[in-house]
Amino acid sequence: AYSIQQTRDGGYVVAGYTSSADGDVSGFQGGWSDCWVVKLNATGSIEWQKAFGGSDFDTVTSIQQTIDGGYIVAGNTVSTDGDVSSFHGKGKRNIWVVKLNAKGSIEWQKTPGGSRWSDASSIQQTTDSGYIVAGYTSSADGDVSGFQGGWSDCWMVKLNAKGSIEWQKALGGSDRDEARSIQQTADGGYIVAGWTESTDGDVSGSHGSRDAWVVKLK
């Protein structure tokens, strides 16, 4: 498990991955791992669970209950089949955003990314009923523009309520940069936290090696 949140009914929703096809797990798609979402009641008993993905590696890193009582999940996939469509980089990791209804069934799914690795660490529903995703990308093509170079950039993607990209932003320098958490702020912008190994580009004030990096976006 990578992410958990208390739900409005007093229970909990947990998200991560599984490689099992037995025990508490049903619906495993095969391959290395599936995204796995488990809904618990207030005392921790399973109400429902869903495994989704394809025939390769799939995992969820962030989940949030949405205003309609469903759930938005973000993570990554290497699959090109099963529940996954519109994959950009075969053999590479793409961000995978999946909207679930209140019972865990898929309403829609999107795979923002490019021909190299992209990964999501954090997702939040925004005040306009869309979504903001943060993670990293190593791509300079596909859905990505403004890549700073190096191994990876922080990558923020704003989606509308149906998962279509409204805007995206790559931030960093010529080394490794990753966003780990994002939250919408009271002024309608966003605060992003992660880390950087860069000393140039969008990064200033480096202390050496890997530093925490906090960025305020409009």
N, C-alpha and C. Protein backbone atom coordinates (compact mmCIF):
# COMPACT_ATOMS: atom_id res chain seq x y z
N ALA A 1 0.84 -1.20 0.00
CA ALA A 1 0.00 0.00 0.00
C ALA A 1 0.87 1.24 0.00
N TYR A 2 0.44 2.25 -0.77
CA TYR A 2 1.14 3.53 -0.82
C TYR A 2 0.30 4.70 -0.31
N SER A 3 -1.02 4.54 -0.28
CA SER A 3 -1.87 5.68 0.02
C SER A 3 -3.14 5.20 0.73
N ILE A 4 -3.59 5.99 1.71
CA ILE A 4 -4.83 5.68 2.43
C ILE A 4 -5.52 6.98 2.80
N GLN A 5 -6.84 6.95 2.83
CA GLN A 5 -7.63 8.11 3.22
C GLN A 5 -8.89 7.64 3.93
N GLN A 6 -9.29 8.36 4.97
CA GLN A 6 -10.59 8.08 5.56
C GLN A 6 -11.67 8.58 4.61
N THR A 7 -12.72 7.80 4.46
CA THR A 7 -13.82 8.14 3.57
C THR A 7 -14.97 8.78 4.36
N ARG A 8 -15.90 9.37 3.63
CA ARG A 8 -16.95 10.15 4.29
C ARG A 8 -17.90 9.30 5.11
N ASP A 9 -17.90 7.98 4.89
CA ASP A 9 -18.75 7.09 5.67
C ASP A 9 -18.07 6.58 6.93
N GLY A 10 -16.88 7.11 7.24
CA GLY A 10 -16.13 6.69 8.42
C GLY A 10 -15.21 5.52 8.20
N GLY A 11 -15.23 4.95 6.99
CA GLY A 11 -14.32 3.87 6.64
C GLY A 11 -13.03 4.40 6.05
N TYR A 12 -12.38 3.56 5.25
CA TYR A 12 -11.07 3.91 4.69
C TYR A 12 -10.95 3.31 3.29
N VAL A 13 -10.16 3.98 2.45
CA VAL A 13 -9.81 3.42 1.16
C VAL A 13 -8.28 3.36 1.07
N VAL A 14 -7.77 2.21 0.64
CA VAL A 14 -6.34 1.94 0.57
C VAL A 14 -5.98 1.64 -0.87
N ALA A 15 -4.81 2.12 -1.33
CA ALA A 15 -4.38 1.88 -2.70
C ALA A 15 -2.91 1.53 -2.75
N GLY A 16 -2.57 0.63 -3.66
CA GLY A 16 -1.18 0.23 -3.87
C GLY A 16 -1.11 -0.76 -5.02
N TYR A 17 -0.49 -1.92 -4.78
CA TYR A 17 -0.45 -2.94 -5.82
C TYR A 17 -0.48 -4.32 -5.19
N THR A 18 -0.79 -5.31 -6.02
CA THR A 18 -0.74 -6.70 -5.61
C THR A 18 -0.21 -7.56 -6.74
N SER A 19 0.47 -8.62 -6.38
CA SER A 19 0.88 -9.65 -7.34
C SER A 19 0.14 -10.96 -7.08
N SER A 20 -0.86 -10.90 -6.21
CA SER A 20 -1.60 -12.11 -5.80
C SER A 20 -2.88 -12.29 -6.63
N ALA A 21 -3.31 -13.54 -6.70
CA ALA A 21 -4.58 -13.87 -7.34
C ALA A 21 -5.41 -14.74 -6.41
N ASP A 22 -5.14 -14.65 -5.11
CA ASP A 22 -5.86 -15.45 -4.13
C ASP A 22 -6.01 -14.65 -2.85
N GLY A 23 -6.42 -15.31 -1.77
CA GLY A 23 -6.61 -14.60 -0.52
C GLY A 23 -7.71 -13.57 -0.64
N ASP A 24 -7.42 -12.34 -0.29
CA ASP A 24 -8.41 -11.27 -0.39
C ASP A 24 -8.52 -10.69 -1.79
N VAL A 25 -7.70 -11.16 -2.73
CA VAL A 25 -7.61 -10.56 -4.06
C VAL A 25 -8.44 -11.35 -5.07
N SER A 26 -9.28 -10.65 -5.81
CA SER A 26 -9.95 -11.25 -6.96
C SER A 26 -9.88 -10.27 -8.12
N GLY A 27 -9.91 -10.82 -9.34
CA GLY A 27 -9.86 -9.98 -10.53
C GLY A 27 -8.47 -9.64 -10.99
N PHE A 28 -7.45 -10.35 -10.49
CA PHE A 28 -6.07 -10.07 -10.90
C PHE A 28 -5.92 -10.23 -12.41
N GLN A 29 -5.26 -9.22 -13.05
CA GLN A 29 -5.15 -9.19 -14.51
C GLN A 29 -3.95 -9.99 -15.03
N GLY A 30 -3.02 -10.35 -14.14
CA GLY A 30 -1.83 -11.07 -14.57
C GLY A 30 -0.63 -10.14 -14.65
N GLY A 31 0.49 -10.68 -15.10
CA GLY A 31 1.71 -9.90 -15.18
C GLY A 31 2.38 -9.78 -13.83
N TRP A 32 3.26 -8.79 -13.69
CA TRP A 32 4.01 -8.60 -12.46
C TRP A 32 3.13 -8.12 -11.31
N SER A 33 2.32 -7.09 -11.56
CA SER A 33 1.47 -6.56 -10.50
C SER A 33 0.30 -5.82 -11.09
N ASP A 34 -0.76 -5.72 -10.31
CA ASP A 34 -1.94 -4.91 -10.64
C ASP A 34 -2.10 -3.80 -9.62
N CYS A 35 -2.68 -2.69 -10.04
CA CYS A 35 -3.19 -1.73 -9.09
C CYS A 35 -4.23 -2.44 -8.21
N TRP A 36 -4.22 -2.11 -6.92
CA TRP A 36 -5.18 -2.74 -6.02
C TRP A 36 -5.76 -1.67 -5.10
N VAL A 37 -7.08 -1.56 -5.09
CA VAL A 37 -7.80 -0.62 -4.24
C VAL A 37 -8.72 -1.42 -3.33
N VAL A 38 -8.64 -1.14 -2.03
CA VAL A 38 -9.42 -1.87 -1.04
C VAL A 38 -10.23 -0.87 -0.21
N LYS A 39 -11.54 -1.08 -0.14
CA LYS A 39 -12.41 -0.26 0.70
C LYS A 39 -12.68 -1.01 2.01
N LEU A 40 -12.34 -0.36 3.12
CA LEU A 40 -12.54 -0.93 4.45
C LEU A 40 -13.66 -0.18 5.17
N ASN A 41 -14.35 -0.87 6.07
CA ASN A 41 -15.31 -0.17 6.92
C ASN A 41 -14.59 0.45 8.12
N ALA A 42 -15.32 1.01 9.03
CA ALA A 42 -14.72 1.75 10.16
C ALA A 42 -13.89 0.86 11.08
N THR A 43 -14.13 -0.45 11.06
CA THR A 43 -13.37 -1.38 11.91
C THR A 43 -12.33 -2.17 11.13
N GLY A 44 -12.14 -1.83 9.84
CA GLY A 44 -11.08 -2.43 9.05
C GLY A 44 -11.46 -3.66 8.26
N SER A 45 -12.73 -4.04 8.26
CA SER A 45 -13.17 -5.18 7.44
C SER A 45 -13.35 -4.75 5.99
N ILE A 46 -13.03 -5.65 5.06
CA ILE A 46 -13.12 -5.34 3.64
C ILE A 46 -14.58 -5.27 3.20
N GLU A 47 -14.94 -4.14 2.58
CA GLU A 47 -16.27 -3.99 1.97
C GLU A 47 -16.22 -4.39 0.50
N TRP A 48 -15.17 -3.94 -0.20
CA TRP A 48 -14.94 -4.36 -1.58
C TRP A 48 -13.48 -4.13 -1.93
N GLN A 49 -13.03 -4.78 -2.98
CA GLN A 49 -11.67 -4.61 -3.48
C GLN A 49 -11.69 -4.72 -5.00
N LYS A 50 -10.76 -4.02 -5.64
CA LYS A 50 -10.66 -4.06 -7.10
C LYS A 50 -9.20 -4.15 -7.50
N ALA A 51 -8.91 -5.11 -8.38
CA ALA A 51 -7.60 -5.20 -9.02
C ALA A 51 -7.77 -4.80 -10.48
N PHE A 52 -6.92 -3.89 -10.96
CA PHE A 52 -7.04 -3.47 -12.35
C PHE A 52 -5.67 -3.16 -12.91
N GLY A 53 -5.54 -3.31 -14.22
CA GLY A 53 -4.26 -3.12 -14.89
C GLY A 53 -4.22 -3.92 -16.17
N GLY A 54 -3.01 -4.41 -16.50
CA GLY A 54 -2.83 -5.21 -17.69
C GLY A 54 -1.87 -6.34 -17.43
N SER A 55 -1.12 -6.75 -18.44
CA SER A 55 -0.27 -7.93 -18.34
C SER A 55 1.16 -7.61 -17.92
N ASP A 56 1.44 -6.38 -17.50
CA ASP A 56 2.79 -6.01 -17.07
C ASP A 56 2.73 -5.43 -15.66
N PHE A 57 3.44 -4.36 -15.41
CA PHE A 57 3.56 -3.76 -14.07
C PHE A 57 2.61 -2.57 -13.95
N ASP A 58 1.76 -2.58 -12.92
CA ASP A 58 0.80 -1.49 -12.67
C ASP A 58 0.74 -1.26 -11.16
N THR A 59 0.74 0.00 -10.75
CA THR A 59 0.63 0.30 -9.32
C THR A 59 -0.03 1.65 -9.10
N VAL A 60 -0.68 1.81 -7.96
CA VAL A 60 -1.27 3.08 -7.53
C VAL A 60 -0.39 3.66 -6.43
N THR A 61 -0.09 4.96 -6.52
CA THR A 61 0.69 5.63 -5.49
C THR A 61 -0.11 6.67 -4.72
N SER A 62 -1.29 7.07 -5.23
CA SER A 62 -2.07 8.11 -4.57
C SER A 62 -3.54 7.90 -4.86
N ILE A 63 -4.39 8.08 -3.83
CA ILE A 63 -5.84 7.96 -4.00
C ILE A 63 -6.54 9.04 -3.19
N GLN A 64 -7.66 9.53 -3.71
CA GLN A 64 -8.48 10.50 -3.00
C GLN A 64 -9.94 10.25 -3.33
N GLN A 65 -10.80 10.33 -2.31
CA GLN A 65 -12.24 10.27 -2.58
C GLN A 65 -12.66 11.56 -3.26
N THR A 66 -13.53 11.46 -4.25
CA THR A 66 -13.97 12.60 -5.02
C THR A 66 -15.34 13.08 -4.55
N ILE A 67 -15.74 14.26 -5.02
CA ILE A 67 -16.96 14.88 -4.50
C ILE A 67 -18.21 14.08 -4.87
N ASP A 68 -18.12 13.21 -5.89
CA ASP A 68 -19.26 12.40 -6.28
C ASP A 68 -19.33 11.08 -5.52
N GLY A 69 -18.42 10.88 -4.56
CA GLY A 69 -18.40 9.65 -3.78
C GLY A 69 -17.53 8.57 -4.37
N GLY A 70 -16.99 8.80 -5.56
CA GLY A 70 -16.06 7.87 -6.17
C GLY A 70 -14.63 8.14 -5.73
N TYR A 71 -13.68 7.74 -6.55
CA TYR A 71 -12.27 7.87 -6.19
C TYR A 71 -11.45 8.21 -7.43
N ILE A 72 -10.40 9.00 -7.22
CA ILE A 72 -9.41 9.25 -8.26
C ILE A 72 -8.09 8.65 -7.80
N VAL A 73 -7.47 7.88 -8.67
CA VAL A 73 -6.20 7.23 -8.34
C VAL A 73 -5.16 7.60 -9.38
N ALA A 74 -3.92 7.70 -8.93
CA ALA A 74 -2.80 7.96 -9.83
C ALA A 74 -1.66 7.03 -9.47
N GLY A 75 -0.94 6.63 -10.48
CA GLY A 75 0.23 5.77 -10.29
C GLY A 75 0.94 5.62 -11.60
N ASN A 76 1.31 4.40 -11.93
CA ASN A 76 2.02 4.19 -13.18
C ASN A 76 1.68 2.82 -13.75
N THR A 77 1.93 2.69 -15.04
CA THR A 77 1.70 1.42 -15.72
C THR A 77 2.77 1.19 -16.78
N VAL A 78 3.09 -0.06 -16.98
CA VAL A 78 3.94 -0.49 -18.09
C VAL A 78 3.13 -1.36 -19.05
N SER A 79 1.86 -1.56 -18.73
CA SER A 79 0.99 -2.41 -19.54
C SER A 79 0.44 -1.66 -20.75
N THR A 80 0.13 -2.42 -21.78
CA THR A 80 -0.47 -1.85 -23.00
C THR A 80 -1.77 -2.57 -23.35
N ASP A 81 -2.32 -3.28 -22.38
CA ASP A 81 -3.52 -4.06 -22.64
C ASP A 81 -4.38 -4.09 -21.39
N GLY A 82 -5.39 -4.95 -21.36
CA GLY A 82 -6.26 -5.03 -20.19
C GLY A 82 -7.05 -3.75 -20.02
N ASP A 83 -6.92 -3.14 -18.84
CA ASP A 83 -7.63 -1.90 -18.55
C ASP A 83 -6.91 -0.66 -19.06
N VAL A 84 -5.73 -0.82 -19.64
CA VAL A 84 -4.88 0.30 -20.04
C VAL A 84 -5.01 0.57 -21.53
N SER A 85 -5.22 1.83 -21.90
CA SER A 85 -5.25 2.21 -23.31
C SER A 85 -4.53 3.54 -23.48
N SER A 86 -4.20 3.86 -24.74
CA SER A 86 -3.53 5.12 -25.10
C SER A 86 -2.14 5.22 -24.49
N PHE A 87 -1.43 4.10 -24.42
CA PHE A 87 -0.10 4.10 -23.83
C PHE A 87 0.90 4.76 -24.78
N HIS A 88 1.81 5.57 -24.23
CA HIS A 88 2.75 6.33 -25.06
C HIS A 88 4.06 5.60 -25.31
N GLY A 89 4.66 5.01 -24.28
CA GLY A 89 6.02 4.50 -24.40
C GLY A 89 6.10 3.03 -24.10
N LYS A 90 6.00 2.18 -25.10
CA LYS A 90 6.04 0.74 -24.88
C LYS A 90 7.35 0.35 -24.21
N GLY A 91 7.24 -0.43 -23.12
CA GLY A 91 8.42 -0.85 -22.37
C GLY A 91 8.89 0.17 -21.36
N LYS A 92 8.28 1.35 -21.35
CA LYS A 92 8.60 2.40 -20.38
C LYS A 92 7.37 2.65 -19.51
N ARG A 93 7.59 3.36 -18.41
CA ARG A 93 6.52 3.61 -17.45
C ARG A 93 5.79 4.89 -17.81
N ASN A 94 4.47 4.83 -17.87
CA ASN A 94 3.64 6.02 -18.06
C ASN A 94 2.83 6.28 -16.79
N ILE A 95 2.53 7.55 -16.55
CA ILE A 95 1.55 7.89 -15.52
C ILE A 95 0.21 7.25 -15.89
N TRP A 96 -0.49 6.76 -14.89
CA TRP A 96 -1.82 6.21 -15.12
C TRP A 96 -2.79 6.83 -14.11
N VAL A 97 -3.81 7.52 -14.63
CA VAL A 97 -4.84 8.14 -13.81
C VAL A 97 -6.15 7.43 -14.10
N VAL A 98 -6.81 6.96 -13.04
CA VAL A 98 -8.03 6.18 -13.19
C VAL A 98 -9.12 6.77 -12.28
N LYS A 99 -10.28 7.03 -12.85
CA LYS A 99 -11.45 7.47 -12.09
C LYS A 99 -12.33 6.27 -11.81
N LEU A 100 -12.59 6.02 -10.52
CA LEU A 100 -13.44 4.92 -10.09
C LEU A 100 -14.77 5.46 -9.57
N ASN A 101 -15.83 4.68 -9.70
CA ASN A 101 -17.07 5.07 -9.05
C ASN A 101 -17.07 4.63 -7.59
N ALA A 102 -18.17 4.80 -6.92
CA ALA A 102 -18.21 4.54 -5.48
C ALA A 102 -18.00 3.07 -5.12
N LYS A 103 -18.17 2.17 -6.09
CA LYS A 103 -17.97 0.74 -5.86
C LYS A 103 -16.66 0.22 -6.46
N GLY A 104 -15.85 1.15 -7.00
CA GLY A 104 -14.54 0.77 -7.50
C GLY A 104 -14.48 0.39 -8.96
N SER A 105 -15.58 0.53 -9.70
CA SER A 105 -15.55 0.25 -11.14
C SER A 105 -14.95 1.43 -11.90
N ILE A 106 -14.23 1.14 -12.97
CA ILE A 106 -13.56 2.19 -13.74
C ILE A 106 -14.58 2.99 -14.55
N GLU A 107 -14.53 4.32 -14.41
CA GLU A 107 -15.34 5.23 -15.22
C GLU A 107 -14.54 5.71 -16.43
N TRP A 108 -13.29 6.08 -16.21
CA TRP A 108 -12.39 6.43 -17.29
C TRP A 108 -10.96 6.28 -16.81
N GLN A 109 -10.01 6.25 -17.77
CA GLN A 109 -8.60 6.16 -17.43
C GLN A 109 -7.79 6.92 -18.49
N LYS A 110 -6.67 7.46 -18.05
CA LYS A 110 -5.80 8.25 -18.93
C LYS A 110 -4.34 7.90 -18.63
N THR A 111 -3.50 7.98 -19.67
CA THR A 111 -2.07 7.69 -19.50
C THR A 111 -1.22 8.84 -20.02
N PRO A 112 -1.13 9.96 -19.27
CA PRO A 112 -0.26 11.05 -19.71
C PRO A 112 1.21 10.61 -19.71
N GLY A 113 1.96 11.09 -20.69
CA GLY A 113 3.38 10.77 -20.72
C GLY A 113 3.97 10.95 -22.10
N GLY A 114 5.14 10.36 -22.29
CA GLY A 114 5.85 10.41 -23.56
C GLY A 114 6.54 9.08 -23.80
N SER A 115 7.61 9.11 -24.59
CA SER A 115 8.27 7.88 -25.00
C SER A 115 9.26 7.35 -23.97
N ARG A 116 9.55 8.14 -22.94
CA ARG A 116 10.41 7.69 -21.85
C ARG A 116 9.59 7.62 -20.56
N TRP A 117 10.25 7.40 -19.44
CA TRP A 117 9.55 7.15 -18.18
C TRP A 117 8.82 8.38 -17.66
N SER A 118 7.61 8.15 -17.15
CA SER A 118 6.87 9.14 -16.39
C SER A 118 6.19 8.42 -15.24
N ASP A 119 6.07 9.10 -14.10
CA ASP A 119 5.50 8.46 -12.92
C ASP A 119 4.76 9.51 -12.10
N ALA A 120 3.65 9.12 -11.49
CA ALA A 120 2.87 10.00 -10.63
C ALA A 120 3.04 9.61 -9.18
N SER A 121 3.17 10.61 -8.31
CA SER A 121 3.28 10.38 -6.87
C SER A 121 2.10 10.93 -6.10
N SER A 122 1.35 11.87 -6.68
CA SER A 122 0.32 12.58 -5.92
C SER A 122 -0.78 13.05 -6.86
N ILE A 123 -2.03 12.94 -6.41
CA ILE A 123 -3.16 13.48 -7.16
C ILE A 123 -4.16 14.08 -6.18
N GLN A 124 -4.83 15.13 -6.61
CA GLN A 124 -5.84 15.80 -5.80
C GLN A 124 -6.92 16.34 -6.71
N GLN A 125 -8.18 16.23 -6.28
CA GLN A 125 -9.26 16.90 -7.01
C GLN A 125 -9.19 18.38 -6.74
N THR A 126 -9.40 19.19 -7.78
CA THR A 126 -9.32 20.64 -7.68
C THR A 126 -10.70 21.26 -7.54
N THR A 127 -10.74 22.53 -7.22
CA THR A 127 -12.02 23.20 -6.93
C THR A 127 -12.93 23.30 -8.15
N ASP A 128 -12.37 23.14 -9.36
CA ASP A 128 -13.18 23.15 -10.58
C ASP A 128 -13.64 21.76 -10.98
N SER A 129 -13.49 20.78 -10.06
CA SER A 129 -13.86 19.37 -10.27
C SER A 129 -12.90 18.63 -11.19
N GLY A 130 -11.80 19.27 -11.57
CA GLY A 130 -10.74 18.58 -12.30
C GLY A 130 -9.76 17.95 -11.33
N TYR A 131 -8.54 17.72 -11.81
CA TYR A 131 -7.54 17.03 -11.01
C TYR A 131 -6.16 17.59 -11.30
N ILE A 132 -5.31 17.59 -10.30
CA ILE A 132 -3.91 17.98 -10.45
C ILE A 132 -3.03 16.79 -10.07
N VAL A 133 -2.10 16.45 -10.94
CA VAL A 133 -1.21 15.31 -10.76
C VAL A 133 0.23 15.80 -10.70
N ALA A 134 1.02 15.22 -9.83
CA ALA A 134 2.44 15.58 -9.74
C ALA A 134 3.28 14.31 -9.68
N GLY A 135 4.43 14.38 -10.32
CA GLY A 135 5.38 13.27 -10.31
C GLY A 135 6.64 13.67 -11.04
N TYR A 136 7.06 12.82 -11.98
CA TYR A 136 8.23 13.18 -12.77
C TYR A 136 8.10 12.62 -14.18
N THR A 137 8.91 13.16 -15.08
CA THR A 137 8.99 12.64 -16.44
C THR A 137 10.42 12.71 -16.93
N SER A 138 10.78 11.75 -17.77
CA SER A 138 12.07 11.77 -18.48
C SER A 138 11.85 12.01 -19.97
N SER A 139 10.61 12.33 -20.35
CA SER A 139 10.25 12.50 -21.75
C SER A 139 10.34 13.95 -22.19
N ALA A 140 10.56 14.12 -23.47
CA ALA A 140 10.54 15.45 -24.09
C ALA A 140 9.60 15.44 -25.28
N ASP A 141 8.66 14.50 -25.29
CA ASP A 141 7.73 14.37 -26.41
C ASP A 141 6.38 13.89 -25.87
N GLY A 142 5.49 13.50 -26.76
CA GLY A 142 4.17 13.07 -26.31
C GLY A 142 3.41 14.23 -25.68
N ASP A 143 2.96 14.04 -24.47
CA ASP A 143 2.22 15.09 -23.76
C ASP A 143 3.13 16.09 -23.07
N VAL A 144 4.44 15.86 -23.11
CA VAL A 144 5.40 16.66 -22.34
C VAL A 144 6.02 17.75 -23.21
N SER A 145 6.01 18.98 -22.71
CA SER A 145 6.77 20.06 -23.34
C SER A 145 7.50 20.83 -22.24
N GLY A 146 8.61 21.44 -22.60
CA GLY A 146 9.39 22.22 -21.64
C GLY A 146 10.35 21.41 -20.81
N PHE A 147 10.66 20.17 -21.23
CA PHE A 147 11.59 19.32 -20.48
C PHE A 147 12.95 20.01 -20.37
N GLN A 148 13.50 20.05 -19.12
CA GLN A 148 14.72 20.79 -18.86
C GLN A 148 15.99 20.00 -19.16
N GLY A 149 15.86 18.69 -19.36
CA GLY A 149 17.03 17.86 -19.64
C GLY A 149 17.44 17.06 -18.42
N GLY A 150 18.53 16.32 -18.54
CA GLY A 150 18.97 15.47 -17.45
C GLY A 150 18.16 14.19 -17.37
N TRP A 151 18.18 13.54 -16.21
CA TRP A 151 17.48 12.27 -16.06
C TRP A 151 15.97 12.47 -15.96
N SER A 152 15.52 13.44 -15.15
CA SER A 152 14.08 13.61 -14.97
C SER A 152 13.77 15.03 -14.52
N ASP A 153 12.57 15.47 -14.81
CA ASP A 153 12.02 16.74 -14.34
C ASP A 153 10.79 16.47 -13.48
N CYS A 154 10.54 17.36 -12.53
CA CYS A 154 9.21 17.39 -11.91
C CYS A 154 8.19 17.64 -13.00
N TRP A 155 7.07 16.94 -12.92
CA TRP A 155 6.03 17.12 -13.95
C TRP A 155 4.68 17.25 -13.28
N MET A 156 4.00 18.35 -13.54
CA MET A 156 2.67 18.62 -13.04
C MET A 156 1.69 18.66 -14.22
N VAL A 157 0.58 17.95 -14.08
CA VAL A 157 -0.41 17.86 -15.15
C VAL A 157 -1.78 18.21 -14.58
N LYS A 158 -2.44 19.18 -15.20
CA LYS A 158 -3.81 19.56 -14.81
C LYS A 158 -4.79 18.91 -15.77
N LEU A 159 -5.70 18.13 -15.21
CA LEU A 159 -6.73 17.44 -15.99
C LEU A 159 -8.10 18.06 -15.72
N ASN A 160 -8.98 17.99 -16.70
CA ASN A 160 -10.36 18.41 -16.44
C ASN A 160 -11.14 17.26 -15.80
N ALA A 161 -12.43 17.43 -15.62
CA ALA A 161 -13.24 16.45 -14.90
C ALA A 161 -13.31 15.11 -15.62
N LYS A 162 -13.03 15.09 -16.93
CA LYS A 162 -13.07 13.85 -17.71
C LYS A 162 -11.68 13.29 -17.98
N GLY A 163 -10.65 13.95 -17.42
CA GLY A 163 -9.29 13.43 -17.54
C GLY A 163 -8.50 13.96 -18.71
N SER A 164 -9.04 14.89 -19.48
CA SER A 164 -8.28 15.48 -20.58
C SER A 164 -7.31 16.53 -20.04
N ILE A 165 -6.15 16.64 -20.66
CA ILE A 165 -5.12 17.56 -20.19
C ILE A 165 -5.51 19.00 -20.51
N GLU A 166 -5.51 19.86 -19.48
CA GLU A 166 -5.73 21.30 -19.66
C GLU A 166 -4.39 22.02 -19.80
N TRP A 167 -3.43 21.65 -18.95
CA TRP A 167 -2.07 22.17 -19.08
C TRP A 167 -1.11 21.22 -18.38
N GLN A 168 0.17 21.38 -18.71
CA GLN A 168 1.22 20.58 -18.07
C GLN A 168 2.45 21.46 -17.89
N LYS A 169 3.27 21.14 -16.92
CA LYS A 169 4.46 21.93 -16.63
C LYS A 169 5.59 21.02 -16.18
N ALA A 170 6.72 21.10 -16.89
CA ALA A 170 7.94 20.40 -16.48
C ALA A 170 8.88 21.41 -15.84
N LEU A 171 9.38 21.10 -14.63
CA LEU A 171 10.25 22.00 -13.89
C LEU A 171 11.48 21.24 -13.41
N GLY A 172 12.62 21.91 -13.42
CA GLY A 172 13.83 21.29 -12.90
C GLY A 172 15.07 21.89 -13.52
N GLY A 173 16.11 21.07 -13.58
CA GLY A 173 17.37 21.48 -14.16
C GLY A 173 17.97 20.36 -14.96
N SER A 174 19.31 20.29 -15.00
CA SER A 174 19.99 19.35 -15.87
C SER A 174 20.31 18.03 -15.18
N ASP A 175 19.79 17.81 -13.97
CA ASP A 175 20.01 16.55 -13.26
C ASP A 175 18.66 15.92 -12.93
N ARG A 176 18.54 15.25 -11.80
CA ARG A 176 17.30 14.55 -11.43
C ARG A 176 16.42 15.43 -10.54
N ASP A 177 15.16 15.51 -10.90
CA ASP A 177 14.17 16.29 -10.14
C ASP A 177 12.87 15.50 -10.12
N GLU A 178 12.25 15.38 -8.94
CA GLU A 178 10.99 14.65 -8.83
C GLU A 178 10.05 15.38 -7.87
N ALA A 179 8.78 15.48 -8.26
CA ALA A 179 7.73 15.98 -7.36
C ALA A 179 7.10 14.80 -6.65
N ARG A 180 6.88 14.93 -5.35
CA ARG A 180 6.31 13.84 -4.56
C ARG A 180 4.92 14.14 -4.00
N SER A 181 4.57 15.42 -3.87
CA SER A 181 3.28 15.78 -3.27
C SER A 181 2.82 17.11 -3.84
N ILE A 182 1.51 17.24 -4.08
CA ILE A 182 0.95 18.50 -4.57
C ILE A 182 -0.38 18.76 -3.89
N GLN A 183 -0.66 20.04 -3.67
CA GLN A 183 -1.93 20.44 -3.07
C GLN A 183 -2.34 21.78 -3.66
N GLN A 184 -3.62 21.94 -3.94
CA GLN A 184 -4.13 23.24 -4.37
C GLN A 184 -4.15 24.18 -3.17
N THR A 185 -3.79 25.44 -3.41
CA THR A 185 -3.72 26.43 -2.35
C THR A 185 -4.94 27.35 -2.38
N ALA A 186 -5.10 28.13 -1.32
CA ALA A 186 -6.28 28.98 -1.16
C ALA A 186 -6.42 30.01 -2.27
N ASP A 187 -5.30 30.39 -2.91
CA ASP A 187 -5.35 31.38 -3.98
C ASP A 187 -5.62 30.75 -5.35
N GLY A 188 -5.88 29.44 -5.38
CA GLY A 188 -6.15 28.75 -6.64
C GLY A 188 -4.93 28.19 -7.31
N GLY A 189 -3.75 28.48 -6.77
CA GLY A 189 -2.52 27.91 -7.31
C GLY A 189 -2.21 26.56 -6.69
N TYR A 190 -0.94 26.21 -6.67
CA TYR A 190 -0.54 24.89 -6.19
C TYR A 190 0.79 24.97 -5.44
N ILE A 191 0.94 24.14 -4.43
CA ILE A 191 2.22 24.00 -3.74
C ILE A 191 2.72 22.58 -4.00
N VAL A 192 3.98 22.48 -4.37
CA VAL A 192 4.58 21.21 -4.78
C VAL A 192 5.80 20.95 -3.91
N ALA A 193 5.96 19.73 -3.44
CA ALA A 193 7.15 19.33 -2.69
C ALA A 193 7.75 18.09 -3.34
N GLY A 194 9.07 18.06 -3.36
CA GLY A 194 9.78 16.91 -3.91
C GLY A 194 11.25 17.04 -3.61
N TRP A 195 12.07 16.66 -4.57
CA TRP A 195 13.52 16.78 -4.37
C TRP A 195 14.21 17.07 -5.70
N THR A 196 15.43 17.60 -5.57
CA THR A 196 16.22 17.94 -6.75
C THR A 196 17.69 17.63 -6.52
N GLU A 197 18.35 17.24 -7.58
CA GLU A 197 19.81 17.11 -7.60
C GLU A 197 20.43 18.12 -8.57
N SER A 198 19.59 19.02 -9.10
CA SER A 198 20.04 20.02 -10.06
C SER A 198 20.57 21.27 -9.35
N THR A 199 21.38 22.01 -10.05
CA THR A 199 21.91 23.28 -9.55
C THR A 199 21.69 24.40 -10.57
N ASP A 200 20.83 24.16 -11.54
CA ASP A 200 20.62 25.11 -12.62
C ASP A 200 19.16 25.04 -13.06
N GLY A 201 18.86 25.68 -14.17
CA GLY A 201 17.48 25.69 -14.66
C GLY A 201 16.57 26.42 -13.71
N ASP A 202 15.53 25.76 -13.26
CA ASP A 202 14.57 26.37 -12.33
C ASP A 202 15.04 26.31 -10.88
N VAL A 203 16.17 25.67 -10.62
CA VAL A 203 16.65 25.42 -9.25
C VAL A 203 17.72 26.42 -8.87
N SER A 204 17.57 27.00 -7.69
CA SER A 204 18.61 27.88 -7.15
C SER A 204 18.79 27.59 -5.66
N GLY A 205 19.98 27.92 -5.14
CA GLY A 205 20.24 27.76 -3.71
C GLY A 205 20.57 26.34 -3.29
N SER A 206 21.10 25.53 -4.21
CA SER A 206 21.42 24.14 -3.89
C SER A 206 22.45 24.05 -2.77
N HIS A 207 22.24 23.08 -1.87
CA HIS A 207 23.18 22.83 -0.78
C HIS A 207 24.13 21.68 -1.09
N GLY A 208 23.93 21.01 -2.23
CA GLY A 208 24.76 19.88 -2.60
C GLY A 208 24.02 18.58 -2.48
N SER A 209 24.40 17.60 -3.33
CA SER A 209 23.77 16.28 -3.36
C SER A 209 22.27 16.44 -3.64
N ARG A 210 21.40 15.76 -2.89
CA ARG A 210 19.95 15.84 -3.10
C ARG A 210 19.32 16.75 -2.06
N ASP A 211 18.58 17.75 -2.52
CA ASP A 211 17.90 18.69 -1.63
C ASP A 211 16.39 18.53 -1.74
N ALA A 212 15.70 18.81 -0.65
CA ALA A 212 14.25 19.02 -0.74
C ALA A 212 13.99 20.22 -1.64
N TRP A 213 12.90 20.16 -2.39
CA TRP A 213 12.56 21.27 -3.29
C TRP A 213 11.07 21.57 -3.15
N VAL A 214 10.75 22.79 -2.77
CA VAL A 214 9.37 23.25 -2.62
C VAL A 214 9.12 24.35 -3.62
N VAL A 215 8.07 24.22 -4.42
CA VAL A 215 7.78 25.16 -5.50
C VAL A 215 6.33 25.61 -5.38
N LYS A 216 6.11 26.91 -5.42
CA LYS A 216 4.76 27.48 -5.43
C LYS A 216 4.42 27.86 -6.86
N LEU A 217 3.30 27.34 -7.36
CA LEU A 217 2.83 27.63 -8.71
C LEU A 217 1.60 28.51 -8.66
N LYS A 218 1.44 29.37 -9.65
CA LYS A 218 0.25 30.20 -9.76
C LYS A 218 -0.92 29.36 -10.26
